[in-house]
PDB file of N, CA and C in Angstrom:
ATOM      1  N   MET A   1       7.774  23.838 -23.310  1.00  0.00           N
ATOM      2  CA  MET A   1       7.760  22.665 -22.460  1.00  0.00           C
ATOM      3  C   MET A   1       6.691  22.787 -21.369  1.00  0.00           C
ATOM      4  N   LEU A   2       6.560  23.971 -20.801  1.00  0.00           N
ATOM      5  CA  LEU A   2       5.578  24.185 -19.751  1.00  0.00           C
ATOM      6  C   LEU A   2       4.157  24.022 -20.285  1.00  0.00           C
ATOM      7  N   ARG A   3       3.947  24.420 -21.523  1.00  0.00           N
ATOM      8  CA  ARG A   3       2.619  24.252 -22.131  1.00  0.00           C
ATOM      9  C   ARG A   3       2.269  22.777 -22.274  1.00  0.00           C
ATOM     10  N   VAL A   4       3.257  21.991 -22.613  1.00  0.00           N
ATOM     11  CA  VAL A   4       3.034  20.554 -22.761  1.00  0.00           C
ATOM     12  C   VAL A   4       2.717  19.937 -21.398  1.00  0.00           C
ATOM     13  N   LEU A   5       3.448  20.341 -20.364  1.00  0.00           N
ATOM     14  CA  LEU A   5       3.192  19.818 -19.023  1.00  0.00           C
ATOM     15  C   LEU A   5       1.807  20.214 -18.519  1.00  0.00           C
ATOM     16  N   MET A   6       1.380  21.417 -18.856  1.00  0.00           N
ATOM     17  CA  MET A   6       0.051  21.875 -18.425  1.00  0.00           C
ATOM     18  C   MET A   6      -1.055  21.043 -19.064  1.00  0.00           C
ATOM     19  N   PHE A   7      -0.756  20.389 -20.161  1.00  0.00           N
ATOM     20  CA  PHE A   7      -1.711  19.517 -20.815  1.00  0.00           C
ATOM     21  C   PHE A   7      -1.545  18.060 -20.357  1.00  0.00           C
ATOM     22  N   LEU A   8      -0.296  17.601 -20.250  1.00  0.00           N
ATOM     23  CA  LEU A   8      -0.037  16.194 -19.953  1.00  0.00           C
ATOM     24  C   LEU A   8      -0.328  15.806 -18.500  1.00  0.00           C
ATOM     25  N   VAL A   9      -0.036  16.682 -17.553  1.00  0.00           N
ATOM     26  CA  VAL A   9      -0.261  16.345 -16.148  1.00  0.00           C
ATOM     27  C   VAL A   9      -1.743  16.125 -15.850  1.00  0.00           C
ATOM     28  N   PRO A  10      -2.638  17.042 -16.232  1.00  0.00           N
ATOM     29  CA  PRO A  10      -4.064  16.761 -16.002  1.00  0.00           C
ATOM     30  C   PRO A  10      -4.572  15.546 -16.790  1.00  0.00           C
ATOM     31  N   LEU A  11      -4.041  15.351 -17.991  1.00  0.00           N
ATOM     32  CA  LEU A  11      -4.437  14.189 -18.781  1.00  0.00           C
ATOM     33  C   LEU A  11      -4.019  12.898 -18.078  1.00  0.00           C
ATOM     34  N   ALA A  12      -2.791  12.842 -17.613  1.00  0.00           N
ATOM     35  CA  ALA A  12      -2.299  11.653 -16.910  1.00  0.00           C
ATOM     36  C   ALA A  12      -3.097  11.418 -15.625  1.00  0.00           C
ATOM     37  N   LEU A  13      -3.395  12.488 -14.915  1.00  0.00           N
ATOM     38  CA  LEU A  13      -4.196  12.369 -13.700  1.00  0.00           C
ATOM     39  C   LEU A  13      -5.590  11.829 -14.018  1.00  0.00           C
ATOM     40  N   SER A  14      -6.187  12.312 -15.072  1.00  0.00           N
ATOM     41  CA  SER A  14      -7.520  11.859 -15.459  1.00  0.00           C
ATOM     42  C   SER A  14      -7.511  10.393 -15.881  1.00  0.00           C
ATOM     43  N   VAL A  15      -6.529  10.011 -16.655  1.00  0.00           N
ATOM     44  CA  VAL A  15      -6.426   8.619 -17.097  1.00  0.00           C
ATOM     45  C   VAL A  15      -6.224   7.706 -15.888  1.00  0.00           C
ATOM     46  N   TYR A  16      -5.318   8.103 -14.990  1.00  0.00           N
ATOM     47  CA  TYR A  16      -5.073   7.307 -13.787  1.00  0.00           C
ATOM     48  C   TYR A  16      -6.351   7.181 -12.951  1.00  0.00           C
ATOM     49  N   ALA A  17      -7.039   8.296 -12.714  1.00  0.00           N
ATOM     50  CA  ALA A  17      -8.245   8.281 -11.886  1.00  0.00           C
ATOM     51  C   ALA A  17      -9.345   7.441 -12.535  1.00  0.00           C
ATOM     52  N   PHE A  18      -9.491   7.534 -13.846  1.00  0.00           N
ATOM     53  CA  PHE A  18     -10.524   6.760 -14.531  1.00  0.00           C
ATOM     54  C   PHE A  18     -10.243   5.266 -14.439  1.00  0.00           C
ATOM     55  N   ILE A  19      -9.009   4.875 -14.695  1.00  0.00           N
ATOM     56  CA  ILE A  19      -8.651   3.456 -14.618  1.00  0.00           C
ATOM     57  C   ILE A  19      -8.783   2.952 -13.182  1.00  0.00           C
ATOM     58  N   ASP A  20      -8.364   3.775 -12.235  1.00  0.00           N
ATOM     59  CA  ASP A  20      -8.495   3.397 -10.832  1.00  0.00           C
ATOM     60  C   ASP A  20      -9.971   3.242 -10.458  1.00  0.00           C
ATOM     61  N   CYS A  21     -10.794   4.120 -10.962  1.00  0.00           N
ATOM     62  CA  CYS A  21     -12.225   4.087 -10.672  1.00  0.00           C
ATOM     63  C   CYS A  21     -12.873   2.829 -11.238  1.00  0.00           C
ATOM     64  N   ILE A  22     -12.625   2.523 -12.484  1.00  0.00           N
ATOM     65  CA  ILE A  22     -13.298   1.374 -13.092  1.00  0.00           C
ATOM     66  C   ILE A  22     -12.732   0.043 -12.604  1.00  0.00           C
ATOM     67  N   SER A  23     -11.509   0.044 -12.064  1.00  0.00           N
ATOM     68  CA  SER A  23     -10.934  -1.212 -11.582  1.00  0.00           C
ATOM     69  C   SER A  23     -11.143  -1.428 -10.083  1.00  0.00           C
ATOM     70  N   THR A  24     -11.744  -0.471  -9.411  1.00  0.00           N
ATOM     71  CA  THR A  24     -11.995  -0.591  -7.978  1.00  0.00           C
ATOM     72  C   THR A  24     -13.268  -1.399  -7.743  1.00  0.00           C
ATOM     73  N   LYS A  25     -13.228  -2.245  -6.719  1.00  0.00           N
ATOM     74  CA  LYS A  25     -14.410  -3.041  -6.375  1.00  0.00           C
ATOM     75  C   LYS A  25     -15.510  -2.127  -5.842  1.00  0.00           C
ATOM     76  N   GLU A  26     -16.750  -2.542  -6.060  1.00  0.00           N
ATOM     77  CA  GLU A  26     -17.906  -1.752  -5.611  1.00  0.00           C
ATOM     78  C   GLU A  26     -17.880  -1.521  -4.100  1.00  0.00           C
ATOM     79  N   ASP A  27     -17.359  -2.501  -3.346  1.00  0.00           N
ATOM     80  CA  ASP A  27     -17.332  -2.384  -1.884  1.00  0.00           C
ATOM     81  C   ASP A  27     -16.383  -1.292  -1.405  1.00  0.00           C
ATOM     82  N   ASP A  28     -15.401  -0.938  -2.229  1.00  0.00           N
ATOM     83  CA  ASP A  28     -14.392   0.039  -1.828  1.00  0.00           C
ATOM     84  C   ASP A  28     -14.707   1.465  -2.275  1.00  0.00           C
ATOM     85  N   ILE A  29     -15.875   1.677  -2.870  1.00  0.00           N
ATOM     86  CA  ILE A  29     -16.243   3.003  -3.373  1.00  0.00           C
ATOM     87  C   ILE A  29     -17.172   3.672  -2.376  1.00  0.00           C
ATOM     88  N   ARG A  30     -16.899   4.963  -2.132  1.00  0.00           N
ATOM     89  CA  ARG A  30     -17.707   5.715  -1.170  1.00  0.00           C
ATOM     90  C   ARG A  30     -18.530   6.794  -1.877  1.00  0.00           C
ATOM     91  N   HIS A  31     -19.589   7.210  -1.244  1.00  0.00           N
ATOM     92  CA  HIS A  31     -20.419   8.376  -1.565  1.00  0.00           C
ATOM     93  C   HIS A  31     -21.304   8.258  -2.801  1.00  0.00           C
ATOM     94  N   MET A  32     -20.846   7.682  -3.900  1.00  0.00           N
ATOM     95  CA  MET A  32     -21.666   7.577  -5.110  1.00  0.00           C
ATOM     96  C   MET A  32     -21.407   6.225  -5.769  1.00  0.00           C
ATOM     97  N   PRO A  33     -22.311   5.775  -6.628  1.00  0.00           N
ATOM     98  CA  PRO A  33     -22.072   4.538  -7.373  1.00  0.00           C
ATOM     99  C   PRO A  33     -20.898   4.689  -8.351  1.00  0.00           C
ATOM    100  N   LYS A  34     -20.314   3.563  -8.697  1.00  0.00           N
ATOM    101  CA  LYS A  34     -19.147   3.564  -9.583  1.00  0.00           C
ATOM    102  C   LYS A  34     -19.409   4.252 -10.929  1.00  0.00           C
ATOM    103  N   PRO A  35     -20.540   3.987 -11.610  1.00  0.00           N
ATOM    104  CA  PRO A  35     -20.761   4.656 -12.907  1.00  0.00           C
ATOM    105  C   PRO A  35     -20.790   6.183 -12.791  1.00  0.00           C
ATOM    106  N   LEU A  36     -21.353   6.707 -11.704  1.00  0.00           N
ATOM    107  CA  LEU A  36     -21.368   8.167 -11.532  1.00  0.00           C
ATOM    108  C   LEU A  36     -19.967   8.716 -11.333  1.00  0.00           C
ATOM    109  N   TRP A  37     -19.127   8.005 -10.587  1.00  0.00           N
ATOM    110  CA  TRP A  37     -17.739   8.443 -10.419  1.00  0.00           C
ATOM    111  C   TRP A  37     -17.021   8.450 -11.764  1.00  0.00           C
ATOM    112  N   ALA A  38     -17.228   7.407 -12.559  1.00  0.00           N
ATOM    113  CA  ALA A  38     -16.571   7.331 -13.867  1.00  0.00           C
ATOM    114  C   ALA A  38     -17.014   8.477 -14.770  1.00  0.00           C
ATOM    115  N   ILE A  39     -18.299   8.771 -14.762  1.00  0.00           N
ATOM    116  CA  ILE A  39     -18.808   9.884 -15.575  1.00  0.00           C
ATOM    117  C   ILE A  39     -18.238  11.215 -15.071  1.00  0.00           C
ATOM    118  N   LEU A  40     -18.182  11.378 -13.760  1.00  0.00           N
ATOM    119  CA  LEU A  40     -17.623  12.608 -13.185  1.00  0.00           C
ATOM    120  C   LEU A  40     -16.166  12.807 -13.599  1.00  0.00           C
ATOM    121  N   VAL A  41     -15.395  11.731 -13.575  1.00  0.00           N
ATOM    122  CA  VAL A  41     -13.985  11.824 -13.971  1.00  0.00           C
ATOM    123  C   VAL A  41     -13.863  12.143 -15.456  1.00  0.00           C
ATOM    124  N   LEU A  42     -14.741  11.598 -16.285  1.00  0.00           N
ATOM    125  CA  LEU A  42     -14.664  11.853 -17.724  1.00  0.00           C
ATOM    126  C   LEU A  42     -15.171  13.240 -18.110  1.00  0.00           C
ATOM    127  N   VAL A  43     -16.259  13.697 -17.482  1.00  0.00           N
ATOM    128  CA  VAL A  43     -16.860  14.978 -17.866  1.00  0.00           C
ATOM    129  C   VAL A  43     -16.086  16.158 -17.287  1.00  0.00           C
ATOM    130  N   PHE A  44     -15.647  16.034 -16.055  1.00  0.00           N
ATOM    131  CA  PHE A  44     -14.863  17.081 -15.408  1.00  0.00           C
ATOM    132  C   PHE A  44     -13.494  16.501 -15.032  1.00  0.00           C
ATOM    133  N   PRO A  45     -12.586  16.436 -16.006  1.00  0.00           N
ATOM    134  CA  PRO A  45     -11.346  15.686 -15.788  1.00  0.00           C
ATOM    135  C   PRO A  45     -10.541  16.110 -14.556  1.00  0.00           C
ATOM    136  N   LEU A  46     -10.276  17.360 -14.379  1.00  0.00           N
ATOM    137  CA  LEU A  46      -9.418  17.784 -13.276  1.00  0.00           C
ATOM    138  C   LEU A  46     -10.147  17.685 -11.932  1.00  0.00           C
ATOM    139  N   VAL A  47     -11.330  18.280 -11.853  1.00  0.00           N
ATOM    140  CA  VAL A  47     -12.091  18.269 -10.608  1.00  0.00           C
ATOM    141  C   VAL A  47     -12.559  16.847 -10.269  1.00  0.00           C
ATOM    142  N   GLY A  48     -13.016  16.118 -11.272  1.00  0.00           N
ATOM    143  CA  GLY A  48     -13.479  14.755 -11.045  1.00  0.00           C
ATOM    144  C   GLY A  48     -12.364  13.830 -10.588  1.00  0.00           C
ATOM    145  N   SER A  49     -11.184  13.982 -11.173  1.00  0.00           N
ATOM    146  CA  SER A  49     -10.047  13.144 -10.793  1.00  0.00           C
ATOM    147  C   SER A  49      -9.611  13.416  -9.370  1.00  0.00           C
ATOM    148  N   ILE A  50      -9.512  14.675  -9.034  1.00  0.00           N
ATOM    149  CA  ILE A  50      -9.098  15.033  -7.675  1.00  0.00           C
ATOM    150  C   ILE A  50     -10.162  14.590  -6.673  1.00  0.00           C
ATOM    151  N   SER A  51     -11.429  14.753  -7.028  1.00  0.00           N
ATOM    152  CA  SER A  51     -12.509  14.304  -6.141  1.00  0.00           C
ATOM    153  C   SER A  51     -12.455  12.797  -5.930  1.00  0.00           C
ATOM    154  N   TRP A  52     -12.224  12.065  -7.007  1.00  0.00           N
ATOM    155  CA  TRP A  52     -12.133  10.613  -6.888  1.00  0.00           C
ATOM    156  C   TRP A  52     -10.983  10.217  -5.961  1.00  0.00           C
ATOM    157  N   LEU A  53      -9.836  10.829  -6.151  1.00  0.00           N
ATOM    158  CA  LEU A  53      -8.675  10.462  -5.349  1.00  0.00           C
ATOM    159  C   LEU A  53      -8.849  10.824  -3.878  1.00  0.00           C
ATOM    160  N   ILE A  54      -9.565  11.897  -3.605  1.00  0.00           N
ATOM    161  CA  ILE A  54      -9.728  12.335  -2.213  1.00  0.00           C
ATOM    162  C   ILE A  54     -10.908  11.636  -1.538  1.00  0.00           C
ATOM    163  N   ALA A  55     -12.053  11.577  -2.215  1.00  0.00           N
ATOM    164  CA  ALA A  55     -13.272  11.143  -1.539  1.00  0.00           C
ATOM    165  C   ALA A  55     -13.907   9.879  -2.088  1.00  0.00           C
ATOM    166  N   GLY A  56     -13.518   9.429  -3.254  1.00  0.00           N
ATOM    167  CA  GLY A  56     -14.261   8.361  -3.896  1.00  0.00           C
ATOM    168  C   GLY A  56     -13.911   6.958  -3.501  1.00  0.00           C
ATOM    169  N   LYS A  57     -12.703   6.742  -3.030  1.00  0.00           N
ATOM    170  CA  LYS A  57     -12.241   5.387  -2.783  1.00  0.00           C
ATOM    171  C   LYS A  57     -11.818   5.227  -1.338  1.00  0.00           C
ATOM    172  N   LYS A  58     -12.205   4.083  -0.751  1.00  0.00           N
ATOM    173  CA  LYS A  58     -11.713   3.768   0.586  1.00  0.00           C
ATOM    174  C   LYS A  58     -10.219   3.479   0.471  1.00  0.00           C
ATOM    175  N   ARG A  59      -9.450   4.077   1.313  1.00  0.00           N
ATOM    176  CA  ARG A  59      -8.000   3.900   1.269  1.00  0.00           C
ATOM    177  C   ARG A  59      -7.565   2.829   2.251  1.00  0.00           C
ATOM    178  N   SER A  60      -6.446   2.213   1.948  1.00  0.00           N
ATOM    179  CA  SER A  60      -5.893   1.187   2.835  1.00  0.00           C
ATOM    180  C   SER A  60      -5.275   1.842   4.058  1.00  0.00           C
ATOM    181  N   PRO A  61      -5.023   1.083   5.117  1.00  0.00           N
ATOM    182  CA  PRO A  61      -4.411   1.664   6.320  1.00  0.00           C
ATOM    183  C   PRO A  61      -3.066   2.324   6.042  1.00  0.00           C
ATOM    184  N   ALA A  62      -2.334   1.849   5.052  1.00  0.00           N
ATOM    185  CA  ALA A  62      -1.045   2.450   4.743  1.00  0.00           C
ATOM    186  C   ALA A  62      -1.217   3.894   4.273  1.00  0.00           C
ATOM    187  N   ALA A  63      -2.286   4.165   3.566  1.00  0.00           N
ATOM    188  CA  ALA A  63      -2.517   5.516   3.080  1.00  0.00           C
ATOM    189  C   ALA A  63      -3.060   6.436   4.168  1.00  0.00           C
ATOM    190  N   GLU A  64      -3.532   5.858   5.254  1.00  0.00           N
ATOM    191  CA  GLU A  64      -4.089   6.658   6.329  1.00  0.00           C
ATOM    192  C   GLU A  64      -3.064   6.949   7.419  1.00  0.00           C
ATOM    193  N   GLY A  65      -1.794   6.833   7.104  1.00  0.00           N
ATOM    194  CA  GLY A  65      -0.759   7.115   8.086  1.00  0.00           C
ATOM    195  C   GLY A  65      -0.456   5.918   8.962  1.00  0.00           C
ATOM    196  N   TRP A  66      -0.025   4.835   8.358  1.00  0.00           N
ATOM    197  CA  TRP A  66       0.254   3.603   9.070  1.00  0.00           C
ATOM    198  C   TRP A  66       1.358   3.826  10.071  1.00  0.00           C
ATOM    199  N   SER A  67       1.105   3.499  11.322  1.00  0.00           N
ATOM    200  CA  SER A  67       2.054   3.757  12.395  1.00  0.00           C
ATOM    201  C   SER A  67       2.833   2.523  12.785  1.00  0.00           C
ATOM    202  N   GLY A  68       2.718   1.449  12.037  1.00  0.00           N
ATOM    203  CA  GLY A  68       3.425   0.234  12.373  1.00  0.00           C
ATOM    204  C   GLY A  68       2.511  -0.818  12.963  1.00  0.00           C
ATOM    205  N   VAL A  69       1.281  -0.482  13.226  1.00  0.00           N
ATOM    206  CA  VAL A  69       0.332  -1.434  13.789  1.00  0.00           C
ATOM    207  C   VAL A  69      -0.777  -1.639  12.776  1.00  0.00           C
ATOM    208  N   ARG A  70      -0.892  -2.827  12.246  1.00  0.00           N
ATOM    209  CA  ARG A  70      -1.918  -3.096  11.251  1.00  0.00           C
ATOM    210  C   ARG A  70      -3.291  -3.223  11.895  1.00  0.00           C
ATOM    211  N   ASP A  71      -3.329  -3.845  13.020  1.00  0.00           N
ATOM    212  CA  ASP A  71      -4.583  -4.040  13.729  1.00  0.00           C
ATOM    213  C   ASP A  71      -4.285  -3.859  15.212  1.00  0.00           C
ATOM    214  N   ARG A  72      -5.156  -3.214  15.905  1.00  0.00           N
ATOM    215  CA  ARG A  72      -4.901  -2.933  17.322  1.00  0.00           C
ATOM    216  C   ARG A  72      -4.773  -4.215  18.140  1.00  0.00           C
ATOM    217  N   ARG A  73      -5.353  -5.299  17.657  1.00  0.00           N
ATOM    218  CA  ARG A  73      -5.261  -6.559  18.379  1.00  0.00           C
ATOM    219  C   ARG A  73      -3.930  -7.251  18.146  1.00  0.00           C
ATOM    220  N   GLN A  74      -3.230  -6.909  17.078  1.00  0.00           N
ATOM    221  CA  GLN A  74      -1.938  -7.518  16.786  1.00  0.00           C
ATOM    222  C   GLN A  74      -0.829  -6.744  17.480  1.00  0.00           C
ATOM    223  N   GLN A  75       0.315  -7.396  17.599  1.00  0.00           N
ATOM    224  CA  GLN A  75       1.459  -6.739  18.213  1.00  0.00           C
ATOM    225  C   GLN A  75       2.058  -5.727  17.251  1.00  0.00           C
ATOM    226  N   GLN A  76       2.783  -4.794  17.828  1.00  0.00           N
ATOM    227  CA  GLN A  76       3.470  -3.799  17.032  1.00  0.00           C
ATOM    228  C   GLN A  76       4.720  -4.420  16.424  1.00  0.00           C
ATOM    229  N   TRP A  77       5.134  -3.911  15.280  1.00  0.00           N
ATOM    230  CA  TRP A  77       6.319  -4.400  14.590  1.00  0.00           C
ATOM    231  C   TRP A  77       7.536  -4.235  15.484  1.00  0.00           C
ATOM    232  N   VAL A  78       8.413  -5.236  15.477  1.00  0.00           N
ATOM    233  CA  VAL A  78       9.600  -5.226  16.319  1.00  0.00           C
ATOM    234  C   VAL A  78      10.825  -5.375  15.432  1.00  0.00           C
ATOM    235  N   ALA A  79      11.849  -4.596  15.709  1.00  0.00           N
ATOM    236  CA  ALA A  79      13.099  -4.691  14.962  1.00  0.00           C
ATOM    237  C   ALA A  79      13.718  -6.067  15.188  1.00  0.00           C
ATOM    238  N   PRO A  80      14.444  -6.620  14.210  1.00  0.00           N
ATOM    239  CA  PRO A  80      14.994  -7.966  14.353  1.00  0.00           C
ATOM    240  C   PRO A  80      15.881  -8.145  15.586  1.00  0.00           C
ATOM    241  N   ASP A  81      16.658  -7.130  15.931  1.00  0.00           N
ATOM    242  CA  ASP A  81      17.548  -7.294  17.077  1.00  0.00           C
ATOM    243  C   ASP A  81      16.801  -7.236  18.408  1.00  0.00           C
ATOM    244  N   ASP A  82      15.537  -6.845  18.406  1.00  0.00           N
ATOM    245  CA  ASP A  82      14.711  -6.834  19.612  1.00  0.00           C
ATOM    246  C   ASP A  82      13.687  -7.965  19.634  1.00  0.00           C
ATOM    247  N   ASN A  83      13.619  -8.719  18.567  1.00  0.00           N
ATOM    248  CA  ASN A  83      12.630  -9.768  18.433  1.00  0.00           C
ATOM    249  C   ASN A  83      13.165 -11.059  19.056  1.00  0.00           C
ATOM    250  N   PRO A  84      12.561 -11.541  20.146  1.00  0.00           N
ATOM    251  CA  PRO A  84      13.073 -12.740  20.809  1.00  0.00           C
ATOM    252  C   PRO A  84      13.064 -13.991  19.922  1.00  0.00           C
ATOM    253  N   GLU A  85      12.054 -14.112  19.052  1.00  0.00           N
ATOM    254  CA  GLU A  85      12.002 -15.277  18.164  1.00  0.00           C
ATOM    255  C   GLU A  85      13.162 -15.270  17.178  1.00  0.00           C
ATOM    256  N   PHE A  86      13.489 -14.100  16.643  1.00  0.00           N
ATOM    257  CA  PHE A  86      14.602 -13.986  15.714  1.00  0.00           C
ATOM    258  C   PHE A  86      15.916 -14.296  16.405  1.00  0.00           C
ATOM    259  N   LEU A  87      16.098 -13.761  17.602  1.00  0.00           N
ATOM    260  CA  LEU A  87      17.324 -14.020  18.353  1.00  0.00           C
ATOM    261  C   LEU A  87      17.446 -15.502  18.703  1.00  0.00           C
ATOM    262  N   LYS A  88      16.326 -16.146  19.021  1.00  0.00           N
ATOM    263  CA  LYS A  88      16.345 -17.569  19.318  1.00  0.00           C
ATOM    264  C   LYS A  88      16.748 -18.369  18.084  1.00  0.00           C
ATOM    265  N   SER A  89      16.243 -17.966  16.921  1.00  0.00           N
ATOM    266  CA  SER A  89      16.615 -18.680  15.687  1.00  0.00           C
ATOM    267  C   SER A  89      18.101 -18.517  15.397  1.00  0.00           C
ATOM    268  N   LEU A  90      18.690 -17.364  15.716  1.00  0.00           N
ATOM    269  CA  LEU A  90      20.131 -17.181  15.536  1.00  0.00           C
ATOM    270  C   LEU A  90      20.919 -18.112  16.456  1.00  0.00           C
ATOM    271  N   ASP A  91      20.458 -18.241  17.705  1.00  0.00           N
ATOM    272  CA  ASP A  91      21.123 -19.139  18.645  1.00  0.00           C
ATOM    273  C   ASP A  91      21.043 -20.586  18.157  1.00  0.00           C
ATOM    274  N   GLU A  92      19.896 -20.973  17.615  1.00  0.00           N
ATOM    275  CA  GLU A  92      19.742 -22.334  17.098  1.00  0.00           C
ATOM    276  C   GLU A  92      20.664 -22.568  15.910  1.00  0.00           C
ATOM    277  N   ASP A  93      20.816 -21.569  15.037  1.00  0.00           N
ATOM    278  CA  ASP A  93      21.737 -21.690  13.904  1.00  0.00           C
ATOM    279  C   ASP A  93      23.170 -21.844  14.388  1.00  0.00           C
ATOM    280  N   ASP A  94      23.555 -21.063  15.398  1.00  0.00           N
ATOM    281  CA  ASP A  94      24.904 -21.166  15.950  1.00  0.00           C
ATOM    282  C   ASP A  94      25.140 -22.545  16.549  1.00  0.00           C
ATOM    283  N   ASP A  95      24.144 -23.061  17.269  1.00  0.00           N
ATOM    284  CA  ASP A  95      24.276 -24.387  17.873  1.00  0.00           C
ATOM    285  C   ASP A  95      24.439 -25.467  16.806  1.00  0.00           C
ATOM    286  N   ARG A  96      23.672 -25.356  15.719  1.00  0.00           N
ATOM    287  CA  ARG A  96      23.788 -26.332  14.623  1.00  0.00           C
ATOM    288  C   ARG A  96      25.167 -26.280  13.985  1.00  0.00           C
ATOM    289  N   LYS A  97      25.688 -25.077  13.792  1.00  0.00           N
ATOM    290  CA  LYS A  97      27.016 -24.941  13.182  1.00  0.00           C
ATOM    291  C   LYS A  97      28.088 -25.530  14.094  1.00  0.00           C
ATOM    292  N   LYS A  98      27.966 -25.310  15.390  1.00  0.00           N
ATOM    293  CA  LYS A  98      28.940 -25.876  16.334  1.00  0.00           C
ATOM    294  C   LYS A  98      28.858 -27.399  16.332  1.00  0.00           C
ATOM    295  N   ASP A  99      27.638 -27.938  16.284  1.00  0.00           N
ATOM    296  CA  ASP A  99      27.475 -29.391  16.239  1.00  0.00           C
ATOM    297  C   ASP A  99      28.064 -29.971  14.964  1.00  0.00           C
ATOM    298  N   ASP A 100      27.882 -29.258  13.838  1.00  0.00           N
ATOM    299  CA  ASP A 100      28.446 -29.728  12.573  1.00  0.00           C
ATOM    300  C   ASP A 100      29.970 -29.745  12.621  1.00  0.00           C
ATOM    301  N   LYS A 101      30.577 -28.727  13.249  1.00  0.00           N
ATOM    302  CA  LYS A 101      32.029 -28.683  13.353  1.00  0.00           C
ATOM    303  C   LYS A 101      32.543 -29.807  14.247  1.00  0.00           C
ATOM    304  N   ARG A 102      31.829 -30.098  15.337  1.00  0.00           N
ATOM    305  CA  ARG A 102      32.223 -31.189  16.219  1.00  0.00           C
ATOM    306  C   ARG A 102      32.153 -32.526  15.502  1.00  0.00           C
ATOM    307  N   ASP A 103      31.074 -32.701  14.717  1.00  0.00           N
ATOM    308  CA  ASP A 103      30.919 -33.962  13.976  1.00  0.00           C
ATOM    309  C   ASP A 103      32.005 -34.129  12.933  1.00  0.00           C
ATOM    310  N   ASP A 104      32.402 -33.043  12.299  1.00  0.00           N
ATOM    311  CA  ASP A 104      33.460 -33.096  11.277  1.00  0.00           C
ATOM    312  C   ASP A 104      34.819 -33.376  11.913  1.00  0.00           C
ATOM    313  N   GLY A 105      35.025 -32.902  13.137  1.00  0.00           N
ATOM    314  CA  GLY A 105      36.315 -33.062  13.813  1.00  0.00           C
ATOM    315  C   GLY A 105      36.516 -34.452  14.372  1.00  0.00           C
ATOM    316  N   GLN A 106      35.496 -35.251  14.562  1.00  0.00           N
ATOM    317  CA  GLN A 106      35.641 -36.579  15.146  1.00  0.00           C
ATOM    318  C   GLN A 106      36.007 -37.610  14.163  1.00  0.00           C
TER     319      GLN A 106
END
């Protein structure tokens, strides 16, 4: 079983890296042109795949350790119970329900 894993894990990594490489937009690729990255992944499967995953592609903010702030100009994420807009919407829902009960009772 271990022999099979020693073959399948690098193969799966290489296939994933190659598909990721060829499906990535040119604007998101760093250091080398896309065809060179693809050749590197195919010729040197293990080293090329790891290189592609580490250095070849620009990563999204989530992969860079997203701290809850997408952009420094935007506000930080707020829990629903601390969010004034959410609490206001709950109050409005309660008011509507009370009005509906009053209308039904008359």
